[in-house]
Amino acid sequence: MNRGIGMLIIGAGICLVVVGLMVYSGGFNWFGRLPGDIRYEGERTKGYVPIVSMLLVSLVLSLIFYLLRRFF
């Protein structure tokens, strides 16, 4: 039991490092600029509602948690 939890934590750490390197190198420049994301820029105000980007994040996280639940 402890070994499985340890491997899960190590895997999550590796995933975090990979995502961090992608963010640092600019691999997520497209994120937030998808069709359907709402941007408003006035003279004094800026508004941003990332609807499609958050749907994509939700889909990916749901898939990850489904796979984790199925195989562990």
Protein backbone atom coordinates (compact mmCIF):
# COMPACT_ATOMS: atom_id res chain seq x y z
CA MET A 1 0.00 0.00 0.00
CA ASN A 2 2.71 2.51 0.91
CA ARG A 3 4.68 1.63 -2.20
CA GLY A 4 1.70 2.44 -4.46
CA ILE A 5 1.17 5.82 -2.82
CA GLY A 6 4.87 6.57 -3.13
CA MET A 7 4.87 5.75 -6.83
CA LEU A 8 1.79 7.94 -7.31
CA ILE A 9 3.52 10.88 -5.62
CA ILE A 10 6.67 10.36 -7.71
CA GLY A 11 4.59 10.23 -10.90
CA ALA A 12 2.73 13.40 -9.95
CA GLY A 13 6.06 15.13 -9.27
CA ILE A 14 7.44 14.13 -12.65
CA CYS A 15 4.27 15.42 -14.34
CA LEU A 16 4.59 18.72 -12.47
CA VAL A 17 8.21 19.10 -13.57
CA VAL A 18 7.28 18.42 -17.22
CA VAL A 19 4.40 20.92 -17.13
CA GLY A 20 6.64 23.47 -15.41
CA LEU A 21 9.29 23.10 -18.10
CA MET A 22 6.66 23.50 -20.81
CA VAL A 23 5.31 26.68 -19.19
CA TYR A 24 8.84 28.05 -18.74
CA SER A 25 9.80 27.35 -22.36
CA GLY A 26 6.59 28.82 -23.79
CA GLY A 27 4.88 25.57 -24.71
CA PHE A 28 1.53 26.88 -23.50
CA ASN A 29 1.41 30.15 -25.47
CA TRP A 30 -1.77 28.93 -27.18
CA PHE A 31 -3.54 28.51 -23.82
CA GLY A 32 -6.07 31.28 -23.29
CA ARG A 33 -6.16 32.24 -26.96
CA LEU A 34 -8.50 29.52 -28.17
CA PRO A 35 -11.61 30.34 -30.19
CA GLY A 36 -14.40 30.85 -27.67
CA ASP A 37 -12.26 32.53 -25.00
CA ILE A 38 -13.71 35.97 -24.36
CA ARG A 39 -11.43 39.01 -24.11
CA TYR A 40 -12.43 42.60 -23.56
CA GLU A 41 -9.94 45.44 -23.56
CA GLY A 42 -11.25 48.93 -23.01
CA GLU A 43 -9.36 52.13 -22.29
CA ARG A 44 -9.17 51.51 -18.55
CA THR A 45 -10.45 47.98 -18.09
CA LYS A 46 -9.55 44.53 -19.23
CA GLY A 47 -11.74 41.48 -18.93
CA TYR A 48 -10.97 37.88 -19.72
CA VAL A 49 -13.16 34.77 -19.53
CA PRO A 50 -11.33 31.62 -20.70
CA ILE A 51 -14.40 29.45 -21.36
CA VAL A 52 -12.94 27.03 -23.94
CA SER A 53 -9.57 26.81 -22.21
CA MET A 54 -11.22 25.80 -18.93
CA LEU A 55 -13.38 23.23 -20.75
CA LEU A 56 -10.19 21.75 -22.18
CA VAL A 57 -8.55 21.65 -18.73
CA SER A 58 -11.66 19.98 -17.31
CA LEU A 59 -11.64 17.37 -20.05
CA VAL A 60 -7.95 16.54 -19.56
CA LEU A 61 -8.27 16.32 -15.76
CA SER A 62 -11.37 14.14 -16.05
CA LEU A 63 -9.50 11.78 -18.38
CA ILE A 64 -6.50 11.62 -16.04
CA PHE A 65 -8.65 10.88 -12.98
CA TYR A 66 -10.66 8.28 -14.92
CA LEU A 67 -7.47 6.49 -15.94
CA LEU A 68 -6.07 6.65 -12.39
CA ARG A 69 -9.29 5.25 -10.94
CA ARG A 70 -9.44 2.49 -13.54
CA PHE A 71 -5.86 1.26 -13.18
CA PHE A 72 -5.23 1.84 -9.46
